[in-house]
mmCIF file of all heavy atoms, coordinates in Angstrom:
data_MODEL
# 
_entry.id   MODEL 
# 
loop_
_atom_site.group_PDB 
_atom_site.id 
_atom_site.type_symbol 
_atom_site.label_atom_id 
_atom_site.label_alt_id 
_atom_site.label_comp_id 
_atom_site.label_asym_id 
_atom_site.label_entity_id 
_atom_site.label_seq_id 
_atom_site.pdbx_PDB_ins_code 
_atom_site.Cartn_x 
_atom_site.Cartn_y 
_atom_site.Cartn_z 
_atom_site.occupancy 
_atom_site.B_iso_or_equiv 
_atom_site.pdbx_formal_charge 
_atom_site.auth_seq_id 
_atom_site.auth_comp_id 
_atom_site.auth_asym_id 
_atom_site.auth_atom_id 
_atom_site.pdbx_PDB_model_num 
ATOM 1   N N   . GLY A 1 1  ? -80.127  -259.677 6.562  1.00 0.00 ? 1  GLY A N   1 
ATOM 2   C CA  . GLY A 1 1  ? -79.689  -260.999 6.165  1.00 0.00 ? 1  GLY A CA  1 
ATOM 3   C C   . GLY A 1 1  ? -79.750  -261.296 4.687  1.00 0.00 ? 1  GLY A C   1 
ATOM 4   O O   . GLY A 1 1  ? -79.650  -262.466 4.295  1.00 0.00 ? 1  GLY A O   1 
ATOM 5   N N   . PHE A 1 2  ? -79.880  -260.280 3.853  1.00 0.00 ? 2  PHE A N   1 
ATOM 6   C CA  . PHE A 1 2  ? -79.955  -260.486 2.415  1.00 0.00 ? 2  PHE A CA  1 
ATOM 7   C C   . PHE A 1 2  ? -78.625  -260.111 1.760  1.00 0.00 ? 2  PHE A C   1 
ATOM 8   O O   . PHE A 1 2  ? -77.774  -259.474 2.387  1.00 0.00 ? 2  PHE A O   1 
ATOM 9   C CB  . PHE A 1 2  ? -81.101  -259.659 1.822  1.00 0.00 ? 2  PHE A CB  1 
ATOM 10  C CG  . PHE A 1 2  ? -82.463  -260.194 2.162  1.00 0.00 ? 2  PHE A CG  1 
ATOM 11  C CD1 . PHE A 1 2  ? -83.134  -259.763 3.298  1.00 0.00 ? 2  PHE A CD1 1 
ATOM 12  C CD2 . PHE A 1 2  ? -83.068  -261.141 1.349  1.00 0.00 ? 2  PHE A CD2 1 
ATOM 13  C CE1 . PHE A 1 2  ? -84.391  -260.262 3.618  1.00 0.00 ? 2  PHE A CE1 1 
ATOM 14  C CE2 . PHE A 1 2  ? -84.322  -261.653 1.658  1.00 0.00 ? 2  PHE A CE2 1 
ATOM 15  C CZ  . PHE A 1 2  ? -84.982  -261.214 2.796  1.00 0.00 ? 2  PHE A CZ  1 
ATOM 16  N N   . PRO A 1 3  ? -78.422  -260.490 0.494  1.00 0.00 ? 3  PRO A N   1 
ATOM 17  C CA  . PRO A 1 3  ? -77.157  -260.166 -0.180 1.00 0.00 ? 3  PRO A CA  1 
ATOM 18  C C   . PRO A 1 3  ? -76.886  -258.664 -0.219 1.00 0.00 ? 3  PRO A C   1 
ATOM 19  O O   . PRO A 1 3  ? -77.806  -257.848 -0.359 1.00 0.00 ? 3  PRO A O   1 
ATOM 20  C CB  . PRO A 1 3  ? -77.345  -260.749 -1.586 1.00 0.00 ? 3  PRO A CB  1 
ATOM 21  C CG  . PRO A 1 3  ? -78.349  -261.839 -1.409 1.00 0.00 ? 3  PRO A CG  1 
ATOM 22  C CD  . PRO A 1 3  ? -79.282  -261.345 -0.342 1.00 0.00 ? 3  PRO A CD  1 
ATOM 23  N N   . GLU A 1 4  ? -75.614  -258.320 -0.148 1.00 0.00 ? 4  GLU A N   1 
ATOM 24  C CA  . GLU A 1 4  ? -75.204  -256.920 -0.050 1.00 0.00 ? 4  GLU A CA  1 
ATOM 25  C C   . GLU A 1 4  ? -75.703  -256.044 -1.200 1.00 0.00 ? 4  GLU A C   1 
ATOM 26  O O   . GLU A 1 4  ? -76.054  -254.876 -0.972 1.00 0.00 ? 4  GLU A O   1 
ATOM 27  C CB  . GLU A 1 4  ? -73.677  -256.858 0.051  1.00 0.00 ? 4  GLU A CB  1 
ATOM 28  C CG  . GLU A 1 4  ? -73.138  -255.521 0.527  1.00 0.00 ? 4  GLU A CG  1 
ATOM 29  C CD  . GLU A 1 4  ? -72.926  -254.538 -0.608 1.00 0.00 ? 4  GLU A CD  1 
ATOM 30  O OE1 . GLU A 1 4  ? -72.755  -255.008 -1.757 1.00 0.00 ? 4  GLU A OE1 1 
ATOM 31  O OE2 . GLU A 1 4  ? -72.957  -253.321 -0.360 1.00 0.00 ? 4  GLU A OE2 1 
ATOM 32  N N   . PRO A 1 5  ? -75.758  -256.540 -2.456 1.00 0.00 ? 5  PRO A N   1 
ATOM 33  C CA  . PRO A 1 5  ? -76.251  -255.664 -3.539 1.00 0.00 ? 5  PRO A CA  1 
ATOM 34  C C   . PRO A 1 5  ? -77.650  -255.113 -3.299 1.00 0.00 ? 5  PRO A C   1 
ATOM 35  O O   . PRO A 1 5  ? -77.987  -254.029 -3.797 1.00 0.00 ? 5  PRO A O   1 
ATOM 36  C CB  . PRO A 1 5  ? -76.205  -256.567 -4.776 1.00 0.00 ? 5  PRO A CB  1 
ATOM 37  C CG  . PRO A 1 5  ? -75.138  -257.566 -4.467 1.00 0.00 ? 5  PRO A CG  1 
ATOM 38  C CD  . PRO A 1 5  ? -75.264  -257.828 -2.989 1.00 0.00 ? 5  PRO A CD  1 
ATOM 39  N N   . LEU A 1 6  ? -78.469  -255.830 -2.546 1.00 0.00 ? 6  LEU A N   1 
ATOM 40  C CA  . LEU A 1 6  ? -79.818  -255.351 -2.282 1.00 0.00 ? 6  LEU A CA  1 
ATOM 41  C C   . LEU A 1 6  ? -79.798  -254.047 -1.482 1.00 0.00 ? 6  LEU A C   1 
ATOM 42  O O   . LEU A 1 6  ? -80.651  -253.177 -1.675 1.00 0.00 ? 6  LEU A O   1 
ATOM 43  C CB  . LEU A 1 6  ? -80.598  -256.435 -1.522 1.00 0.00 ? 6  LEU A CB  1 
ATOM 44  C CG  . LEU A 1 6  ? -82.120  -256.330 -1.495 1.00 0.00 ? 6  LEU A CG  1 
ATOM 45  C CD1 . LEU A 1 6  ? -82.700  -256.341 -2.909 1.00 0.00 ? 6  LEU A CD1 1 
ATOM 46  C CD2 . LEU A 1 6  ? -82.710  -257.473 -0.683 1.00 0.00 ? 6  LEU A CD2 1 
ATOM 47  N N   . TYR A 1 7  ? -78.797  -253.897 -0.628 1.00 0.00 ? 7  TYR A N   1 
ATOM 48  C CA  . TYR A 1 7  ? -78.714  -252.713 0.223  1.00 0.00 ? 7  TYR A CA  1 
ATOM 49  C C   . TYR A 1 7  ? -78.154  -251.500 -0.521 1.00 0.00 ? 7  TYR A C   1 
ATOM 50  O O   . TYR A 1 7  ? -78.206  -250.384 -0.008 1.00 0.00 ? 7  TYR A O   1 
ATOM 51  C CB  . TYR A 1 7  ? -77.866  -253.019 1.460  1.00 0.00 ? 7  TYR A CB  1 
ATOM 52  C CG  . TYR A 1 7  ? -78.451  -254.131 2.304  1.00 0.00 ? 7  TYR A CG  1 
ATOM 53  C CD1 . TYR A 1 7  ? -78.102  -255.457 2.073  1.00 0.00 ? 7  TYR A CD1 1 
ATOM 54  C CD2 . TYR A 1 7  ? -79.370  -253.855 3.305  1.00 0.00 ? 7  TYR A CD2 1 
ATOM 55  C CE1 . TYR A 1 7  ? -78.649  -256.478 2.836  1.00 0.00 ? 7  TYR A CE1 1 
ATOM 56  C CE2 . TYR A 1 7  ? -79.922  -254.870 4.063  1.00 0.00 ? 7  TYR A CE2 1 
ATOM 57  C CZ  . TYR A 1 7  ? -79.565  -256.187 3.827  1.00 0.00 ? 7  TYR A CZ  1 
ATOM 58  O OH  . TYR A 1 7  ? -80.113  -257.187 4.581  1.00 0.00 ? 7  TYR A OH  1 
ATOM 59  N N   . ARG A 1 8  ? -77.625  -251.722 -1.694 1.00 0.00 ? 8  ARG A N   1 
ATOM 60  C CA  . ARG A 1 8  ? -77.118  -250.607 -2.489 1.00 0.00 ? 8  ARG A CA  1 
ATOM 61  C C   . ARG A 1 8  ? -78.194  -249.979 -3.366 1.00 0.00 ? 8  ARG A C   1 
ATOM 62  O O   . ARG A 1 8  ? -77.981  -248.920 -3.957 1.00 0.00 ? 8  ARG A O   1 
ATOM 63  C CB  . ARG A 1 8  ? -75.952  -251.075 -3.370 1.00 0.00 ? 8  ARG A CB  1 
ATOM 64  C CG  . ARG A 1 8  ? -74.732  -251.520 -2.592 1.00 0.00 ? 8  ARG A CG  1 
ATOM 65  C CD  . ARG A 1 8  ? -73.484  -251.493 -3.455 1.00 0.00 ? 8  ARG A CD  1 
ATOM 66  N NE  . ARG A 1 8  ? -73.593  -252.363 -4.625 1.00 0.00 ? 8  ARG A NE  1 
ATOM 67  C CZ  . ARG A 1 8  ? -73.113  -253.601 -4.692 1.00 0.00 ? 8  ARG A CZ  1 
ATOM 68  N NH1 . ARG A 1 8  ? -72.508  -254.127 -3.642 1.00 0.00 ? 8  ARG A NH1 1 
ATOM 69  N NH2 . ARG A 1 8  ? -73.245  -254.312 -5.792 1.00 0.00 ? 8  ARG A NH2 1 
ATOM 70  N N   . ILE A 1 9  ? -79.339  -250.638 -3.468 1.00 0.00 ? 9  ILE A N   1 
ATOM 71  C CA  . ILE A 1 9  ? -80.402  -250.124 -4.338 1.00 0.00 ? 9  ILE A CA  1 
ATOM 72  C C   . ILE A 1 9  ? -80.988  -248.847 -3.739 1.00 0.00 ? 9  ILE A C   1 
ATOM 73  O O   . ILE A 1 9  ? -81.302  -248.781 -2.551 1.00 0.00 ? 9  ILE A O   1 
ATOM 74  C CB  . ILE A 1 9  ? -81.501  -251.182 -4.527 1.00 0.00 ? 9  ILE A CB  1 
ATOM 75  C CG1 . ILE A 1 9  ? -80.971  -252.374 -5.329 1.00 0.00 ? 9  ILE A CG1 1 
ATOM 76  C CG2 . ILE A 1 9  ? -82.719  -250.569 -5.222 1.00 0.00 ? 9  ILE A CG2 1 
ATOM 77  C CD1 . ILE A 1 9  ? -81.965  -253.497 -5.470 1.00 0.00 ? 9  ILE A CD1 1 
ATOM 78  N N   . GLN A 1 10 ? -81.127  -247.870 -4.583 1.00 0.00 ? 10 GLN A N   1 
ATOM 79  C CA  . GLN A 1 10 ? -81.825  -246.637 -4.234 1.00 0.00 ? 10 GLN A CA  1 
ATOM 80  C C   . GLN A 1 10 ? -82.994  -246.448 -5.212 1.00 0.00 ? 10 GLN A C   1 
ATOM 81  O O   . GLN A 1 10 ? -82.889  -246.781 -6.388 1.00 0.00 ? 10 GLN A O   1 
ATOM 82  C CB  . GLN A 1 10 ? -80.886  -245.429 -4.316 1.00 0.00 ? 10 GLN A CB  1 
ATOM 83  C CG  . GLN A 1 10 ? -79.729  -245.470 -3.331 1.00 0.00 ? 10 GLN A CG  1 
ATOM 84  C CD  . GLN A 1 10 ? -80.191  -245.348 -1.900 1.00 0.00 ? 10 GLN A CD  1 
ATOM 85  O OE1 . GLN A 1 10 ? -80.996  -244.468 -1.560 1.00 0.00 ? 10 GLN A OE1 1 
ATOM 86  N NE2 . GLN A 1 10 ? -79.703  -246.235 -1.040 1.00 0.00 ? 10 GLN A NE2 1 
ATOM 87  N N   . TYR A 1 11 ? -84.093  -245.930 -4.697 1.00 0.00 ? 11 TYR A N   1 
ATOM 88  C CA  . TYR A 1 11 ? -85.234  -245.601 -5.555 1.00 0.00 ? 11 TYR A CA  1 
ATOM 89  C C   . TYR A 1 11 ? -85.590  -244.136 -5.296 1.00 0.00 ? 11 TYR A C   1 
ATOM 90  O O   . TYR A 1 11 ? -86.381  -243.813 -4.397 1.00 0.00 ? 11 TYR A O   1 
ATOM 91  C CB  . TYR A 1 11 ? -86.423  -246.518 -5.272 1.00 0.00 ? 11 TYR A CB  1 
ATOM 92  C CG  . TYR A 1 11 ? -87.516  -246.382 -6.316 1.00 0.00 ? 11 TYR A CG  1 
ATOM 93  C CD1 . TYR A 1 11 ? -87.348  -246.914 -7.595 1.00 0.00 ? 11 TYR A CD1 1 
ATOM 94  C CD2 . TYR A 1 11 ? -88.693  -245.692 -6.042 1.00 0.00 ? 11 TYR A CD2 1 
ATOM 95  C CE1 . TYR A 1 11 ? -88.330  -246.773 -8.564 1.00 0.00 ? 11 TYR A CE1 1 
ATOM 96  C CE2 . TYR A 1 11 ? -89.677  -245.548 -7.006 1.00 0.00 ? 11 TYR A CE2 1 
ATOM 97  C CZ  . TYR A 1 11 ? -89.486  -246.094 -8.267 1.00 0.00 ? 11 TYR A CZ  1 
ATOM 98  O OH  . TYR A 1 11 ? -90.462  -245.950 -9.234 1.00 0.00 ? 11 TYR A OH  1 
ATOM 99  N N   . PRO A 1 12 ? -84.981  -243.230 -6.057 1.00 0.00 ? 12 PRO A N   1 
ATOM 100 C CA  . PRO A 1 12 ? -85.057  -241.799 -5.742 1.00 0.00 ? 12 PRO A CA  1 
ATOM 101 C C   . PRO A 1 12 ? -86.290  -241.086 -6.295 1.00 0.00 ? 12 PRO A C   1 
ATOM 102 O O   . PRO A 1 12 ? -86.198  -239.957 -6.805 1.00 0.00 ? 12 PRO A O   1 
ATOM 103 C CB  . PRO A 1 12 ? -83.776  -241.262 -6.371 1.00 0.00 ? 12 PRO A CB  1 
ATOM 104 C CG  . PRO A 1 12 ? -83.570  -242.125 -7.585 1.00 0.00 ? 12 PRO A CG  1 
ATOM 105 C CD  . PRO A 1 12 ? -84.040  -243.506 -7.167 1.00 0.00 ? 12 PRO A CD  1 
ATOM 106 N N   . ALA A 1 13 ? -87.439  -241.729 -6.218 1.00 0.00 ? 13 ALA A N   1 
ATOM 107 C CA  . ALA A 1 13 ? -88.655  -241.071 -6.688 1.00 0.00 ? 13 ALA A CA  1 
ATOM 108 C C   . ALA A 1 13 ? -88.962  -239.859 -5.821 1.00 0.00 ? 13 ALA A C   1 
ATOM 109 O O   . ALA A 1 13 ? -88.762  -239.889 -4.602 1.00 0.00 ? 13 ALA A O   1 
ATOM 110 C CB  . ALA A 1 13 ? -89.831  -242.053 -6.645 1.00 0.00 ? 13 ALA A CB  1 
ATOM 111 N N   . PRO A 1 14 ? -89.464  -238.801 -6.411 1.00 0.00 ? 14 PRO A N   1 
ATOM 112 C CA  . PRO A 1 14 ? -89.859  -237.631 -5.604 1.00 0.00 ? 14 PRO A CA  1 
ATOM 113 C C   . PRO A 1 14 ? -91.138  -237.917 -4.829 1.00 0.00 ? 14 PRO A C   1 
ATOM 114 O O   . PRO A 1 14 ? -91.918  -238.821 -5.177 1.00 0.00 ? 14 PRO A O   1 
ATOM 115 C CB  . PRO A 1 14 ? -90.099  -236.551 -6.658 1.00 0.00 ? 14 PRO A CB  1 
ATOM 116 C CG  . PRO A 1 14 ? -90.505  -237.307 -7.882 1.00 0.00 ? 14 PRO A CG  1 
ATOM 117 C CD  . PRO A 1 14 ? -89.708  -238.588 -7.849 1.00 0.00 ? 14 PRO A CD  1 
ATOM 118 N N   . GLY A 1 15 ? -91.326  -237.170 -3.762 1.00 0.00 ? 15 GLY A N   1 
ATOM 119 C CA  . GLY A 1 15 ? -92.618  -237.166 -3.093 1.00 0.00 ? 15 GLY A CA  1 
ATOM 120 C C   . GLY A 1 15 ? -93.508  -236.080 -3.677 1.00 0.00 ? 15 GLY A C   1 
ATOM 121 O O   . GLY A 1 15 ? -93.142  -235.393 -4.630 1.00 0.00 ? 15 GLY A O   1 
ATOM 122 N N   . LEU A 1 16 ? -94.691  -235.929 -3.096 1.00 0.00 ? 16 LEU A N   1 
ATOM 123 C CA  . LEU A 1 16 ? -95.616  -234.885 -3.544 1.00 0.00 ? 16 LEU A CA  1 
ATOM 124 C C   . LEU A 1 16 ? -96.389  -234.392 -2.316 1.00 0.00 ? 16 LEU A C   1 
ATOM 125 O O   . LEU A 1 16 ? -97.499  -234.860 -2.029 1.00 0.00 ? 16 LEU A O   1 
ATOM 126 C CB  . LEU A 1 16 ? -96.559  -235.434 -4.611 1.00 0.00 ? 16 LEU A CB  1 
ATOM 127 C CG  . LEU A 1 16 ? -97.380  -234.405 -5.401 1.00 0.00 ? 16 LEU A CG  1 
ATOM 128 C CD1 . LEU A 1 16 ? -96.479  -233.375 -6.076 1.00 0.00 ? 16 LEU A CD1 1 
ATOM 129 C CD2 . LEU A 1 16 ? -98.256  -235.089 -6.438 1.00 0.00 ? 16 LEU A CD2 1 
ATOM 130 N N   . PRO A 1 17 ? -95.793  -233.480 -1.553 1.00 0.00 ? 17 PRO A N   1 
ATOM 131 C CA  . PRO A 1 17 ? -96.428  -233.041 -0.303 1.00 0.00 ? 17 PRO A CA  1 
ATOM 132 C C   . PRO A 1 17 ? -97.854  -232.529 -0.471 1.00 0.00 ? 17 PRO A C   1 
ATOM 133 O O   . PRO A 1 17 ? -98.702  -232.769 0.399  1.00 0.00 ? 17 PRO A O   1 
ATOM 134 C CB  . PRO A 1 17 ? -95.489  -231.937 0.194  1.00 0.00 ? 17 PRO A CB  1 
ATOM 135 C CG  . PRO A 1 17 ? -94.149  -232.317 -0.365 1.00 0.00 ? 17 PRO A CG  1 
ATOM 136 C CD  . PRO A 1 17 ? -94.447  -232.894 -1.722 1.00 0.00 ? 17 PRO A CD  1 
ATOM 137 N N   . ARG A 1 18 ? -98.141  -231.852 -1.582 1.00 0.00 ? 18 ARG A N   1 
ATOM 138 C CA  . ARG A 1 18 ? -99.508  -231.348 -1.775 1.00 0.00 ? 18 ARG A CA  1 
ATOM 139 C C   . ARG A 1 18 ? -100.506 -232.496 -1.853 1.00 0.00 ? 18 ARG A C   1 
ATOM 140 O O   . ARG A 1 18 ? -101.602 -232.411 -1.310 1.00 0.00 ? 18 ARG A O   1 
ATOM 141 C CB  . ARG A 1 18 ? -99.585  -230.497 -3.050 1.00 0.00 ? 18 ARG A CB  1 
ATOM 142 C CG  . ARG A 1 18 ? -98.821  -229.191 -2.983 1.00 0.00 ? 18 ARG A CG  1 
ATOM 143 C CD  . ARG A 1 18 ? -99.200  -228.285 -4.156 1.00 0.00 ? 18 ARG A CD  1 
ATOM 144 N NE  . ARG A 1 18 ? -99.116  -228.973 -5.445 1.00 0.00 ? 18 ARG A NE  1 
ATOM 145 C CZ  . ARG A 1 18 ? -97.985  -229.125 -6.133 1.00 0.00 ? 18 ARG A CZ  1 
ATOM 146 N NH1 . ARG A 1 18 ? -96.839  -228.661 -5.650 1.00 0.00 ? 18 ARG A NH1 1 
ATOM 147 N NH2 . ARG A 1 18 ? -97.984  -229.730 -7.296 1.00 0.00 ? 18 ARG A NH2 1 
ATOM 148 N N   . LEU A 1 19 ? -100.139 -233.557 -2.551 1.00 0.00 ? 19 LEU A N   1 
ATOM 149 C CA  . LEU A 1 19 ? -101.024 -234.710 -2.637 1.00 0.00 ? 19 LEU A CA  1 
ATOM 150 C C   . LEU A 1 19 ? -101.124 -235.411 -1.291 1.00 0.00 ? 19 LEU A C   1 
ATOM 151 O O   . LEU A 1 19 ? -102.206 -235.876 -0.906 1.00 0.00 ? 19 LEU A O   1 
ATOM 152 C CB  . LEU A 1 19 ? -100.526 -235.681 -3.714 1.00 0.00 ? 19 LEU A CB  1 
ATOM 153 C CG  . LEU A 1 19 ? -101.331 -236.971 -3.871 1.00 0.00 ? 19 LEU A CG  1 
ATOM 154 C CD1 . LEU A 1 19 ? -102.790 -236.679 -4.224 1.00 0.00 ? 19 LEU A CD1 1 
ATOM 155 C CD2 . LEU A 1 19 ? -100.694 -237.874 -4.944 1.00 0.00 ? 19 LEU A CD2 1 
ATOM 156 N N   . ALA A 1 20 ? -100.030 -235.501 -0.565 1.00 0.00 ? 20 ALA A N   1 
ATOM 157 C CA  . ALA A 1 20 ? -100.066 -236.118 0.759  1.00 0.00 ? 20 ALA A CA  1 
ATOM 158 C C   . ALA A 1 20 ? -101.042 -235.375 1.673  1.00 0.00 ? 20 ALA A C   1 
ATOM 159 O O   . ALA A 1 20 ? -101.819 -235.996 2.416  1.00 0.00 ? 20 ALA A O   1 
ATOM 160 C CB  . ALA A 1 20 ? -98.668  -236.135 1.365  1.00 0.00 ? 20 ALA A CB  1 
ATOM 161 N N   . GLU A 1 21 ? -101.020 -234.051 1.608  1.00 0.00 ? 21 GLU A N   1 
ATOM 162 C CA  . GLU A 1 21 ? -101.947 -233.261 2.415  1.00 0.00 ? 21 GLU A CA  1 
ATOM 163 C C   . GLU A 1 21 ? -103.390 -233.485 1.975  1.00 0.00 ? 21 GLU A C   1 
ATOM 164 O O   . GLU A 1 21 ? -104.309 -233.560 2.807  1.00 0.00 ? 21 GLU A O   1 
ATOM 165 C CB  . GLU A 1 21 ? -101.577 -231.789 2.317  1.00 0.00 ? 21 GLU A CB  1 
ATOM 166 C CG  . GLU A 1 21 ? -100.248 -231.450 2.984  1.00 0.00 ? 21 GLU A CG  1 
ATOM 167 C CD  . GLU A 1 21 ? -99.754  -230.062 2.637  1.00 0.00 ? 21 GLU A CD  1 
ATOM 168 O OE1 . GLU A 1 21 ? -100.465 -229.361 1.863  1.00 0.00 ? 21 GLU A OE1 1 
ATOM 169 O OE2 . GLU A 1 21 ? -98.673  -229.682 3.121  1.00 0.00 ? 21 GLU A OE2 1 
ATOM 170 N N   . GLU A 1 22 ? -103.589 -233.623 0.674  1.00 0.00 ? 22 GLU A N   1 
ATOM 171 C CA  . GLU A 1 22 ? -104.935 -233.889 0.160  1.00 0.00 ? 22 GLU A CA  1 
ATOM 172 C C   . GLU A 1 22 ? -105.435 -235.258 0.617  1.00 0.00 ? 22 GLU A C   1 
ATOM 173 O O   . GLU A 1 22 ? -106.596 -235.405 1.016  1.00 0.00 ? 22 GLU A O   1 
ATOM 174 C CB  . GLU A 1 22 ? -104.918 -233.814 -1.370 1.00 0.00 ? 22 GLU A CB  1 
ATOM 175 C CG  . GLU A 1 22 ? -106.267 -234.014 -2.009 1.00 0.00 ? 22 GLU A CG  1 
ATOM 176 C CD  . GLU A 1 22 ? -106.203 -233.940 -3.524 1.00 0.00 ? 22 GLU A CD  1 
ATOM 177 O OE1 . GLU A 1 22 ? -105.245 -233.354 -4.058 1.00 0.00 ? 22 GLU A OE1 1 
ATOM 178 O OE2 . GLU A 1 22 ? -107.127 -234.481 -4.165 1.00 0.00 ? 22 GLU A OE2 1 
ATOM 179 N N   . VAL A 1 23 ? -104.559 -236.264 0.586  1.00 0.00 ? 23 VAL A N   1 
ATOM 180 C CA  . VAL A 1 23 ? -104.932 -237.594 1.068  1.00 0.00 ? 23 VAL A CA  1 
ATOM 181 C C   . VAL A 1 23 ? -105.296 -237.526 2.549  1.00 0.00 ? 23 VAL A C   1 
ATOM 182 O O   . VAL A 1 23 ? -106.318 -238.075 2.985  1.00 0.00 ? 23 VAL A O   1 
ATOM 183 C CB  . VAL A 1 23 ? -103.776 -238.590 0.825  1.00 0.00 ? 23 VAL A CB  1 
ATOM 184 C CG1 . VAL A 1 23 ? -104.016 -239.896 1.579  1.00 0.00 ? 23 VAL A CG1 1 
ATOM 185 C CG2 . VAL A 1 23 ? -103.622 -238.860 -0.664 1.00 0.00 ? 23 VAL A CG2 1 
ATOM 186 N N   . ARG A 1 24 ? -104.460 -236.847 3.318  1.00 0.00 ? 24 ARG A N   1 
ATOM 187 C CA  . ARG A 1 24 ? -104.775 -236.691 4.747  1.00 0.00 ? 24 ARG A CA  1 
ATOM 188 C C   . ARG A 1 24 ? -106.134 -236.031 4.942  1.00 0.00 ? 24 ARG A C   1 
ATOM 189 O O   . ARG A 1 24 ? -106.948 -236.473 5.777  1.00 0.00 ? 24 ARG A O   1 
ATOM 190 C CB  . ARG A 1 24 ? -103.694 -235.853 5.412  1.00 0.00 ? 24 ARG A CB  1 
ATOM 191 C CG  . ARG A 1 24 ? -103.960 -235.585 6.895  1.00 0.00 ? 24 ARG A CG  1 
ATOM 192 C CD  . ARG A 1 24 ? -103.208 -234.367 7.388  1.00 0.00 ? 24 ARG A CD  1 
ATOM 193 N NE  . ARG A 1 24 ? -103.535 -233.166 6.598  1.00 0.00 ? 24 ARG A NE  1 
ATOM 194 C CZ  . ARG A 1 24 ? -102.817 -232.053 6.640  1.00 0.00 ? 24 ARG A CZ  1 
ATOM 195 N NH1 . ARG A 1 24 ? -101.733 -231.992 7.398  1.00 0.00 ? 24 ARG A NH1 1 
ATOM 196 N NH2 . ARG A 1 24 ? -103.175 -231.007 5.906  1.00 0.00 ? 24 ARG A NH2 1 
ATOM 197 N N   . ASP A 1 25 ? -106.411 -234.985 4.189  1.00 0.00 ? 25 ASP A N   1 
ATOM 198 C CA  . ASP A 1 25 ? -107.670 -234.264 4.361  1.00 0.00 ? 25 ASP A CA  1 
ATOM 199 C C   . ASP A 1 25 ? -108.858 -235.140 3.993  1.00 0.00 ? 25 ASP A C   1 
ATOM 200 O O   . ASP A 1 25 ? -109.904 -235.095 4.665  1.00 0.00 ? 25 ASP A O   1 
ATOM 201 C CB  . ASP A 1 25 ? -107.666 -232.995 3.512  1.00 0.00 ? 25 ASP A CB  1 
ATOM 202 C CG  . ASP A 1 25 ? -106.657 -231.954 4.015  1.00 0.00 ? 25 ASP A CG  1 
ATOM 203 O OD1 . ASP A 1 25 ? -106.157 -232.106 5.143  1.00 0.00 ? 25 ASP A OD1 1 
ATOM 204 O OD2 . ASP A 1 25 ? -106.362 -231.011 3.246  1.00 0.00 ? 25 ASP A OD2 1 
ATOM 205 N N   . ARG A 1 26 ? -108.734 -235.932 2.952  1.00 0.00 ? 26 ARG A N   1 
ATOM 206 C CA  . ARG A 1 26 ? -109.847 -236.814 2.565  1.00 0.00 ? 26 ARG A CA  1 
ATOM 207 C C   . ARG A 1 26 ? -110.084 -237.871 3.637  1.00 0.00 ? 26 ARG A C   1 
ATOM 208 O O   . ARG A 1 26 ? -111.240 -238.220 3.939  1.00 0.00 ? 26 ARG A O   1 
ATOM 209 C CB  . ARG A 1 26 ? -109.555 -237.468 1.215  1.00 0.00 ? 26 ARG A CB  1 
ATOM 210 C CG  . ARG A 1 26 ? -109.514 -236.479 0.069  1.00 0.00 ? 26 ARG A CG  1 
ATOM 211 C CD  . ARG A 1 26 ? -109.371 -237.174 -1.261 1.00 0.00 ? 26 ARG A CD  1 
ATOM 212 N NE  . ARG A 1 26 ? -109.108 -236.217 -2.329 1.00 0.00 ? 26 ARG A NE  1 
ATOM 213 C CZ  . ARG A 1 26 ? -109.366 -236.424 -3.608 1.00 0.00 ? 26 ARG A CZ  1 
ATOM 214 N NH1 . ARG A 1 26 ? -109.884 -237.583 -3.990 1.00 0.00 ? 26 ARG A NH1 1 
ATOM 215 N NH2 . ARG A 1 26 ? -109.100 -235.507 -4.526 1.00 0.00 ? 26 ARG A NH2 1 
ATOM 216 N N   . LEU A 1 27 ? -109.021 -238.403 4.196  1.00 0.00 ? 27 LEU A N   1 
ATOM 217 C CA  . LEU A 1 27 ? -109.171 -239.386 5.265  1.00 0.00 ? 27 LEU A CA  1 
ATOM 218 C C   . LEU A 1 27 ? -109.780 -238.742 6.506  1.00 0.00 ? 27 LEU A C   1 
ATOM 219 O O   . LEU A 1 27 ? -110.602 -239.359 7.204  1.00 0.00 ? 27 LEU A O   1 
ATOM 220 C CB  . LEU A 1 27 ? -107.823 -240.018 5.587  1.00 0.00 ? 27 LEU A CB  1 
ATOM 221 C CG  . LEU A 1 27 ? -107.190 -240.848 4.464  1.00 0.00 ? 27 LEU A CG  1 
ATOM 222 C CD1 . LEU A 1 27 ? -105.785 -241.302 4.864  1.00 0.00 ? 27 LEU A CD1 1 
ATOM 223 C CD2 . LEU A 1 27 ? -108.049 -242.057 4.110  1.00 0.00 ? 27 LEU A CD2 1 
ATOM 224 N N   . ALA A 1 28 ? -109.382 -237.507 6.791  1.00 0.00 ? 28 ALA A N   1 
ATOM 225 C CA  . ALA A 1 28 ? -109.955 -236.800 7.935  1.00 0.00 ? 28 ALA A CA  1 
ATOM 226 C C   . ALA A 1 28 ? -111.447 -236.551 7.723  1.00 0.00 ? 28 ALA A C   1 
ATOM 227 O O   . ALA A 1 28 ? -112.256 -236.715 8.651  1.00 0.00 ? 28 ALA A O   1 
ATOM 228 C CB  . ALA A 1 28 ? -109.221 -235.479 8.159  1.00 0.00 ? 28 ALA A CB  1 
# 
């Protein structure tokens, strides 16, 4: 229900799988 330009926005930041795994391990 928001204006159409909002749906055209992309934020193409990279992920970091190694850090994601480290975060998971610390939480575990």
